[in-house]
């Protein structure tokens, strides 16, 4: 039997065309929009294979279901359910997925001769197209839905925030993992839009006034710290540059107390990476580059914390944002300590999903020694945040428990998806910090 024809252009045109439906989010109740998205999901699961064979890639036909075709309406459904009263955020994220991701593929395949250095499957043209077309579609849809909101957001948010979200989504798309773009692009875009929706003009004005003297000092101190770390062999050149940028951001937004907690987190990771190096090397599980941390490590372990620090400085939600900031650092630092101590001195390592004993260094593996060390590391980082006045003493338990939840979730995801290439270690570390931050805020009862 002849193989059914496939057209990638037709697939992407359907991908883009479905985005037009985002216009209806302005007038539909959230439950009505969710019902339509659910109907689309069911249709794509059971009926689309019969009537839309032209949009199915050859690899899709060997799977139980075509991932992209199913994940697209699933992503839309999740956006509607997560933001039932912010149709502008749901619509803008949908627009970035539809037009941004669609044009990225169409133009990238035709004109994408220059490839992304860290992911040769992606092109500079494709990423730039996602930013431009996705940002424009997101801005149009956010502006379109603005009148339907009970409290319309500032015009700068509707017209500007989608471009920031599209930029982050374009960067996320270049990460060399197999997580479907139909989930990663709208997910990252929605996270950025939600964070920016918390920003208020008066807090921005106050920050700009204070930052006039703080930013230069923060830049100088972090440049010196990055250079010292590079010379000491704890970070690579890219790690030093990225670390300096994150450190400057945190010092300028969370102040020197927040920066001190960041430095403590980095030192905990750097020191634990050097412990038991001989055994780790013999087992073949020592950190790459002799334990030197690169840009990916810096973003994965401290990027979410930097975002929370910005929210703390620019929005009225400073208290929960600082709890999220502390929990993210406690999770990142504690998880690194747990992993390195477990590899150095763990006697038995178990797979978190099945409790089956595995080799040290196995994705998703945990040891009693490493777990105890990780808890201690998270507690010390949280206690330091209390000591410098970042969070109240009553929030310490929420921070430690949140960090533990994030670490367990990361281990479960690692055991399930990392070996398949769906996610990598840096992605898992970022998810760890994000889950920990969300759990800590919820546990503290301070969700804004």
Protein backbone atom coordinates (compact mmCIF):
# COMPACT_ATOMS: atom_id res chain seq x y z
CA UNK A 1 0.00 0.00 0.00
CA UNK A 2 1.35 3.45 -0.94
CA UNK A 3 2.20 5.70 2.00
CA UNK A 4 -0.25 8.53 2.50
CA UNK A 5 1.11 11.92 1.39
CA UNK A 6 2.38 14.42 3.93
CA UNK A 7 2.75 18.18 3.56
CA UNK A 8 4.67 20.04 6.24
CA UNK A 9 3.42 23.34 4.83
CA UNK A 10 -0.20 22.18 5.14
CA UNK A 11 0.49 21.06 8.69
CA UNK A 12 1.87 24.47 9.65
CA UNK A 13 -0.93 26.35 7.89
CA UNK A 14 -3.46 24.37 9.94
CA UNK A 15 -1.31 25.13 13.01
CA UNK A 16 -1.46 28.85 12.24
CA UNK A 17 -5.10 28.86 11.16
CA UNK A 18 -6.33 27.31 14.39
CA UNK A 19 -4.88 30.34 16.17
CA UNK A 20 -7.59 32.52 14.65
CA UNK A 21 -9.97 30.90 17.13
CA UNK A 22 -8.13 32.77 19.90
CA UNK A 23 -10.11 35.84 18.85
CA UNK A 24 -13.23 34.24 20.36
CA UNK A 25 -11.73 34.22 23.84
CA UNK A 26 -12.79 37.84 24.23
CA UNK A 27 -16.50 37.04 24.06
CA UNK A 28 -16.78 33.44 25.27
CA UNK A 29 -17.06 32.52 28.96
CA UNK A 30 -14.00 30.59 30.08
CA UNK A 31 -15.96 27.37 30.50
CA UNK A 32 -17.33 27.67 26.96
CA UNK A 33 -13.85 28.21 25.54
CA UNK A 34 -12.57 25.25 27.59
CA UNK A 35 -15.36 23.05 26.25
CA UNK A 36 -14.45 23.98 22.66
CA UNK A 37 -10.76 23.26 23.31
CA UNK A 38 -11.70 19.91 24.85
CA UNK A 39 -13.80 19.11 21.78
CA UNK A 40 -10.82 19.94 19.56
CA UNK A 41 -8.62 17.68 21.66
CA UNK A 42 -11.05 14.76 21.33
CA UNK A 43 -11.41 15.42 17.59
CA UNK A 44 -7.64 15.41 17.06
CA UNK A 45 -7.29 12.22 19.06
CA UNK A 46 -9.96 10.14 17.34
CA UNK A 47 -11.18 11.76 14.11
CA UNK A 48 -8.23 13.73 12.73
CA UNK A 49 -6.31 10.55 11.79
CA UNK A 50 -9.19 9.66 9.44
CA UNK A 51 -9.69 13.02 7.76
CA UNK A 52 -6.39 14.89 8.06
CA UNK A 53 -3.73 12.45 6.93
CA UNK A 54 -1.90 15.14 4.98
CA UNK A 55 -0.77 16.85 8.19
CA UNK A 56 0.64 13.65 9.72
CA UNK A 57 4.38 13.20 9.51
CA UNK A 58 5.65 9.71 8.64
CA UNK A 59 6.97 9.28 12.21
CA UNK A 60 3.50 10.09 13.61
CA UNK A 61 1.96 7.05 11.98
CA UNK A 62 4.03 4.64 14.03
CA UNK A 63 2.92 6.17 17.35
CA UNK A 64 -0.24 5.65 19.36
CA UNK A 65 -1.07 9.30 18.64
CA UNK A 66 0.54 12.22 16.80
CA UNK A 67 2.10 14.22 19.61
CA UNK A 68 1.99 17.69 18.08
CA UNK A 69 -1.54 17.29 16.76
CA UNK A 70 -2.74 16.30 20.24
CA UNK A 71 -0.52 18.56 22.35
CA UNK A 72 -1.65 21.71 20.53
CA UNK A 73 -5.32 21.63 21.67
CA UNK A 74 -4.17 20.25 25.04
CA UNK A 75 -1.95 23.33 25.49
CA UNK A 76 -4.85 25.63 24.58
CA UNK A 77 -7.14 23.83 27.05
CA UNK A 78 -4.56 24.20 29.83
CA UNK A 79 -4.10 27.91 29.07
CA UNK A 80 -7.84 28.50 29.37
CA UNK A 81 -8.10 26.52 32.61
CA UNK A 82 -5.05 28.19 34.18
CA UNK A 83 -6.14 31.72 33.25
CA UNK A 84 -9.95 31.67 33.32
CA UNK A 85 -10.14 35.37 34.14
CA UNK A 86 -7.19 36.53 32.05
CA UNK A 87 -8.30 35.83 28.50
CA UNK A 88 -5.56 38.18 27.30
CA UNK A 89 -2.79 35.96 28.72
CA UNK A 90 -4.37 32.78 27.33
CA UNK A 91 -4.97 34.36 23.91
CA UNK A 92 -1.52 35.94 23.66
CA UNK A 93 0.19 32.66 24.57
CA UNK A 94 -1.98 30.89 21.99
CA UNK A 95 -1.02 33.48 19.38
CA UNK A 96 2.68 33.00 20.11
CA UNK A 97 2.20 29.26 19.66
CA UNK A 98 0.08 29.54 16.51
CA UNK A 99 1.70 32.27 14.40
CA UNK A 100 5.09 32.41 16.11
CA UNK A 101 5.87 28.70 16.15
CA UNK A 102 4.17 28.18 12.79
CA UNK A 103 6.15 30.89 10.98
CA UNK A 104 9.32 29.76 12.75
CA UNK A 105 8.98 26.39 11.05
CA UNK A 106 7.88 27.71 7.64
CA UNK A 107 10.61 30.36 7.34
CA UNK A 108 13.25 28.40 9.21
CA UNK A 109 13.03 25.48 6.77
CA UNK A 110 13.34 27.78 3.77
CA UNK A 111 15.86 30.37 4.90
CA UNK A 112 17.45 28.94 8.02
CA UNK A 113 20.97 28.38 6.75
CA UNK A 114 22.65 29.75 9.89
CA UNK A 115 22.08 27.33 12.74
CA UNK A 116 21.87 27.89 16.50
CA UNK A 117 25.32 26.94 17.92
CA UNK A 118 23.94 24.83 20.80
CA UNK A 119 21.19 23.19 18.74
CA UNK A 120 21.98 22.55 15.07
CA UNK A 121 18.39 21.51 14.41
CA UNK A 122 17.22 25.08 14.99
CA UNK A 123 18.05 28.15 12.91
CA UNK A 124 18.57 31.82 13.73
CA UNK A 125 15.94 32.71 11.12
CA UNK A 126 13.41 30.39 12.75
CA UNK A 127 14.00 31.77 16.24
CA UNK A 128 13.85 35.36 15.01
CA UNK A 129 10.60 34.58 13.18
CA UNK A 130 9.09 33.15 16.37
CA UNK A 131 9.99 36.31 18.23
CA UNK A 132 8.69 38.72 15.57
CA UNK A 133 5.53 36.96 14.43
CA UNK A 134 4.75 35.48 17.83
CA UNK A 135 5.22 38.82 19.58
CA UNK A 136 3.01 40.59 17.03
CA UNK A 137 0.25 37.97 17.25
CA UNK A 138 0.43 37.95 21.03
CA UNK A 139 0.23 41.74 21.22
CA UNK A 140 -2.74 41.86 18.85
CA UNK A 141 -4.64 39.20 20.79
CA UNK A 142 -3.80 40.70 24.21
CA UNK A 143 -5.04 44.08 22.99
CA UNK A 144 -8.15 42.47 21.45
CA UNK A 145 -9.08 40.73 24.71
CA UNK A 146 -8.23 43.72 26.92
CA UNK A 147 -11.76 45.28 26.97
CA UNK A 148 -13.30 42.01 28.19
CA UNK A 149 -11.32 41.97 31.44
CA UNK A 150 -12.85 43.18 34.69
CA UNK A 151 -9.78 45.37 35.23
CA UNK A 152 -8.07 46.05 31.90
CA UNK A 153 -4.27 45.88 32.20
CA UNK A 154 -2.04 48.84 31.25
CA UNK A 155 -1.57 49.31 27.54
CA UNK A 156 2.17 48.68 27.88
CA UNK A 157 1.40 45.18 29.08
CA UNK A 158 -0.93 44.35 26.20
CA UNK A 159 1.42 45.68 23.53
CA UNK A 160 4.84 45.03 25.05
CA UNK A 161 4.69 41.99 27.33
CA UNK A 162 3.88 39.54 24.49
CA UNK A 163 7.17 40.42 22.79
CA UNK A 164 9.07 39.62 25.99
CA UNK A 165 7.13 36.35 26.23
CA UNK A 166 7.86 35.52 22.59
CA UNK A 167 11.57 36.19 23.13
CA UNK A 168 11.70 33.76 26.06
CA UNK A 169 9.66 31.19 24.11
CA UNK A 170 12.07 31.47 21.17
CA UNK A 171 15.02 30.84 23.50
CA UNK A 172 13.27 27.90 25.17
CA UNK A 173 12.57 26.37 21.76
CA UNK A 174 16.31 26.21 21.07
CA UNK A 175 17.03 23.99 24.08
CA UNK A 176 18.17 20.62 22.65
CA UNK A 177 15.45 18.42 24.15
CA UNK A 178 12.56 16.44 22.71
CA UNK A 179 9.82 18.15 24.71
CA UNK A 180 7.19 19.10 22.15
CA UNK A 181 7.19 22.77 21.11
CA UNK A 182 3.41 22.80 21.40
CA UNK A 183 3.90 22.54 25.17
CA UNK A 184 7.18 24.39 25.80
CA UNK A 185 6.40 27.48 23.69
CA UNK A 186 2.97 28.40 25.15
CA UNK A 187 4.04 27.27 28.63
CA UNK A 188 7.08 29.53 28.78
CA UNK A 189 5.20 32.41 27.15
CA UNK A 190 2.33 32.16 29.64
CA UNK A 191 4.75 32.10 32.58
CA UNK A 192 6.41 35.32 31.41
CA UNK A 193 3.08 37.02 30.74
CA UNK A 194 1.74 36.04 34.16
CA UNK A 195 4.86 37.37 35.89
CA UNK A 196 4.72 40.65 33.97
CA UNK A 197 1.00 41.00 34.78
CA UNK A 198 2.01 41.49 38.43
CA UNK A 199 4.19 44.51 37.64
CA UNK A 200 2.83 47.96 38.54
CA UNK A 201 3.91 51.39 37.36
CA UNK A 202 4.57 52.86 40.81
CA UNK A 203 6.86 49.97 41.76
CA UNK A 204 8.76 50.35 38.51
CA UNK A 205 9.21 54.09 39.16
CA UNK A 206 10.48 53.39 42.68
CA UNK A 207 12.89 50.76 41.38
CA UNK A 208 14.27 53.05 38.68
CA UNK A 209 14.88 55.73 41.29
CA UNK A 210 16.74 53.32 43.59
CA UNK A 211 18.58 51.48 40.82
CA UNK A 212 20.45 54.59 39.71
CA UNK A 213 23.18 53.87 42.27
CA UNK A 214 22.57 50.17 42.95
CA UNK A 215 22.96 48.75 39.45
CA UNK A 216 26.50 50.08 38.79
CA UNK A 217 27.67 48.77 42.16
CA UNK A 218 25.97 45.42 41.58
CA UNK A 219 27.53 45.13 38.13
CA UNK A 220 31.01 45.86 39.45
CA UNK A 221 30.75 43.39 42.33
CA UNK A 222 29.34 40.61 40.16
CA UNK A 223 31.88 41.13 37.41
CA UNK A 224 34.64 40.76 40.01
CA UNK A 225 32.96 37.67 41.52
CA UNK A 226 32.52 36.09 38.08
CA UNK A 227 36.17 36.72 37.20
CA UNK A 228 37.27 35.22 40.51
CA UNK A 229 35.12 32.15 39.94
CA UNK A 230 36.50 31.71 36.43
CA UNK A 231 40.09 32.00 37.63
CA UNK A 232 39.39 29.56 40.46
CA UNK A 233 38.04 27.00 38.00
CA UNK A 234 34.50 26.89 39.39
CA UNK A 235 32.79 28.30 36.27
CA UNK A 236 33.37 28.37 32.53
CA UNK A 237 33.57 31.59 30.55
CA UNK A 238 29.89 31.34 29.58
CA UNK A 239 29.01 30.48 33.15
CA UNK A 240 30.90 33.53 34.42
CA UNK A 241 29.12 35.88 32.02
CA UNK A 242 25.68 34.42 32.68
CA UNK A 243 26.32 34.25 36.41
CA UNK A 244 27.37 37.90 36.47
CA UNK A 245 24.14 38.87 34.67
CA UNK A 246 21.98 36.86 37.07
CA UNK A 247 23.91 38.11 40.09
CA UNK A 248 23.53 41.72 38.99
CA UNK A 249 19.81 41.22 38.44
CA UNK A 250 19.34 39.70 41.88
CA UNK A 251 21.47 42.31 43.67
CA UNK A 252 19.55 45.10 41.97
CA UNK A 253 16.11 43.66 42.74
CA UNK A 254 16.43 41.58 45.92
CA UNK A 255 19.20 43.74 47.35
CA UNK A 256 22.48 42.63 48.88
CA UNK A 257 20.73 40.22 51.28
CA UNK A 258 19.28 38.38 48.28
CA UNK A 259 22.66 38.43 46.58
CA UNK A 260 24.24 36.94 49.69
CA UNK A 261 21.81 34.01 49.59
CA UNK A 262 22.65 33.53 45.90
CA UNK A 263 26.38 33.42 46.66
CA UNK A 264 25.78 30.91 49.47
CA UNK A 265 23.84 28.72 47.02
CA UNK A 266 26.64 28.88 44.47
CA UNK A 267 29.28 28.05 47.08
CA UNK A 268 27.26 25.07 48.30
CA UNK A 269 27.07 23.73 44.73
CA UNK A 270 30.74 24.43 43.95
CA UNK A 271 32.08 22.88 47.16
CA UNK A 272 29.88 19.78 47.01
CA UNK A 273 30.92 19.21 43.38
CA UNK A 274 34.56 18.97 44.52
CA UNK A 275 33.85 16.48 47.32
CA UNK A 276 34.59 12.82 46.63
CA UNK A 277 35.94 13.59 43.15
CA UNK A 278 38.15 10.48 43.15
CA UNK A 279 35.21 8.11 43.63
CA UNK A 280 33.03 10.01 41.17
CA UNK A 281 35.78 9.85 38.55
CA UNK A 282 36.29 6.11 39.05
CA UNK A 283 32.54 5.55 38.65
CA UNK A 284 32.41 7.84 35.62
CA UNK A 285 29.84 10.13 37.24
CA UNK A 286 31.96 13.20 37.99
CA UNK A 287 30.67 16.55 36.80
CA UNK A 288 31.74 17.53 33.29
CA UNK A 289 34.53 20.09 32.87
CA UNK A 290 35.91 19.18 36.30
CA UNK A 291 32.84 20.56 38.04
CA UNK A 292 33.03 23.96 36.31
CA UNK A 293 29.51 25.36 35.96
CA UNK A 294 28.40 26.68 32.59
CA UNK A 295 25.70 29.10 31.47
CA UNK A 296 23.13 26.30 31.32
CA UNK A 297 23.81 25.39 34.94
CA UNK A 298 23.48 29.02 36.02
CA UNK A 299 20.15 29.57 34.28
CA UNK A 300 18.74 26.20 35.33
CA UNK A 301 19.56 26.61 39.02
CA UNK A 302 19.14 30.37 39.53
CA UNK A 303 17.16 31.68 36.53
CA UNK A 304 13.75 31.20 38.15
CA UNK A 305 15.02 32.82 41.34
CA UNK A 306 16.17 35.84 39.33
CA UNK A 307 12.69 36.13 37.80
CA UNK A 308 11.10 35.95 41.25
CA UNK A 309 13.46 38.69 42.48
CA UNK A 310 12.36 40.93 39.61
CA UNK A 311 8.70 40.33 40.48
CA UNK A 312 9.49 41.12 44.13
CA UNK A 313 10.97 44.48 43.14
CA UNK A 314 8.41 45.52 40.53
CA UNK A 315 5.11 44.28 41.95
CA UNK A 316 3.08 44.50 45.18
CA UNK A 317 3.51 40.73 45.57
CA UNK A 318 6.96 41.15 47.11
CA UNK A 319 6.38 38.86 50.10
CA UNK A 320 5.31 35.73 48.14
CA UNK A 321 7.87 36.55 45.44
CA UNK A 322 10.69 36.55 48.00
CA UNK A 323 9.44 33.24 49.38
CA UNK A 324 9.51 31.89 45.82
CA UNK A 325 13.00 33.36 45.37
CA UNK A 326 14.29 31.67 48.53
CA UNK A 327 12.61 28.34 47.77
CA UNK A 328 14.01 28.30 44.22
CA UNK A 329 17.56 28.84 45.50
CA UNK A 330 17.07 26.33 48.33
CA UNK A 331 15.81 23.77 45.82
CA UNK A 332 18.63 24.38 43.35
CA UNK A 333 21.34 24.39 45.99
CA UNK A 334 19.89 21.55 48.03
CA UNK A 335 19.40 19.34 44.98
CA UNK A 336 23.00 19.86 43.84
CA UNK A 337 24.28 19.06 47.33
CA UNK A 338 22.08 15.96 47.47
CA UNK A 339 23.28 14.75 44.08
CA UNK A 340 26.98 15.34 44.73
CA UNK A 341 26.99 13.94 48.28
CA UNK A 342 24.97 10.95 47.14
CA UNK A 343 27.45 10.21 44.35
CA UNK A 344 30.42 10.70 46.68
CA UNK A 345 29.29 8.79 49.75
CA UNK A 346 25.91 7.21 49.08
CA UNK A 347 25.90 3.51 49.98
CA UNK A 348 22.72 2.50 48.13
CA UNK A 349 20.90 4.40 45.38
CA UNK A 350 17.22 3.82 44.61
CA UNK A 351 15.11 4.83 41.64
CA UNK A 352 12.48 7.17 43.02
CA UNK A 353 9.68 5.84 40.82
CA UNK A 354 10.10 2.15 41.68
CA UNK A 355 12.48 2.04 44.67
CA UNK A 356 14.63 -0.36 42.64
CA UNK A 357 18.32 -0.20 43.48
CA UNK A 358 20.36 1.39 40.68
CA UNK A 359 23.90 2.51 39.98
CA UNK A 360 24.99 5.84 41.57
CA UNK A 361 24.50 8.71 39.14
CA UNK A 362 21.45 7.12 37.48
CA UNK A 363 18.81 9.66 36.43
CA UNK A 364 16.12 9.78 39.11
CA UNK A 365 18.26 7.93 41.65
CA UNK A 366 18.27 8.97 45.31
CA UNK A 367 20.31 7.85 48.31
CA UNK A 368 19.63 8.31 52.02
CA UNK A 369 22.93 10.14 52.49
CA UNK A 370 22.26 12.49 49.58
CA UNK A 371 18.68 13.13 50.63
CA UNK A 372 19.73 14.09 54.16
CA UNK A 373 22.48 16.35 52.80
CA UNK A 374 20.00 17.99 50.42
CA UNK A 375 17.53 18.68 53.20
CA UNK A 376 20.31 20.18 55.30
CA UNK A 377 21.44 22.34 52.38
CA UNK A 378 17.91 23.61 51.71
CA UNK A 379 17.42 24.35 55.42
CA UNK A 380 20.69 26.29 55.69
CA UNK A 381 19.89 28.40 52.61
CA UNK A 382 16.37 29.08 53.91
CA UNK A 383 17.69 29.90 57.38
CA UNK A 384 20.17 32.34 55.87
CA UNK A 385 17.31 34.07 54.05
CA UNK A 386 15.52 34.40 57.41
CA UNK A 387 18.68 35.73 59.08
CA UNK A 388 19.17 38.49 56.49
CA UNK A 389 15.49 39.47 56.60
CA UNK A 390 14.36 38.27 53.19
CA UNK A 391 11.57 36.07 54.52
CA UNK A 392 9.77 35.71 57.85
CA UNK A 393 10.81 32.87 60.20
CA UNK A 394 7.38 31.27 59.77
CA UNK A 395 8.06 30.77 56.05
CA UNK A 396 11.15 28.63 56.63
CA UNK A 397 9.22 25.35 56.87
CA UNK A 398 7.33 26.16 53.67
CA UNK A 399 10.64 26.84 51.90
CA UNK A 400 12.23 23.56 53.02
CA UNK A 401 9.13 21.50 52.24
CA UNK A 402 8.77 23.25 48.88
CA UNK A 403 12.41 22.48 48.06
CA UNK A 404 11.80 18.84 48.96
CA UNK A 405 8.71 18.68 46.74
CA UNK A 406 10.71 20.16 43.86
CA UNK A 407 13.53 17.67 44.34
CA UNK A 408 11.17 14.68 44.42
CA UNK A 409 9.37 15.93 41.32
CA UNK A 410 12.68 16.38 39.53
CA UNK A 411 13.80 12.85 40.41
CA UNK A 412 10.50 11.41 39.17
CA UNK A 413 10.73 13.35 35.90
CA UNK A 414 14.37 12.34 35.47
CA UNK A 415 13.55 8.66 35.93
CA UNK A 416 10.67 8.93 33.49
CA UNK A 417 11.73 11.34 30.75
CA UNK A 418 15.45 12.16 30.85
CA UNK A 419 16.64 8.82 29.49
CA UNK A 420 14.29 9.28 26.52
CA UNK A 421 15.78 12.68 25.71
CA UNK A 422 12.48 14.47 26.31
CA UNK A 423 14.16 16.67 28.92
CA UNK A 424 17.79 17.19 29.91
CA UNK A 425 19.45 17.85 33.25
CA UNK A 426 19.30 21.65 32.95
CA UNK A 427 15.59 21.53 32.13
CA UNK A 428 14.99 19.29 35.12
CA UNK A 429 16.91 21.65 37.41
CA UNK A 430 14.81 24.60 36.22
CA UNK A 431 11.59 22.65 36.77
CA UNK A 432 12.84 21.69 40.21
CA UNK A 433 13.27 25.34 41.22
CA UNK A 434 9.94 26.37 39.66
CA UNK A 435 7.96 23.59 41.35
CA UNK A 436 9.68 24.29 44.67
CA UNK A 437 8.86 28.00 44.45
CA UNK A 438 5.20 27.35 43.63
CA UNK A 439 4.87 24.75 46.40
CA UNK A 440 6.47 27.04 48.99
CA UNK A 441 4.20 29.97 48.14
CA UNK A 442 1.10 27.78 48.30
CA UNK A 443 2.22 26.22 51.59
CA UNK A 444 2.88 29.65 53.07
CA UNK A 445 -0.70 30.62 52.20
CA UNK A 446 0.47 33.73 50.40
CA UNK A 447 -0.60 33.15 46.82
CA UNK A 448 -1.32 36.65 45.49
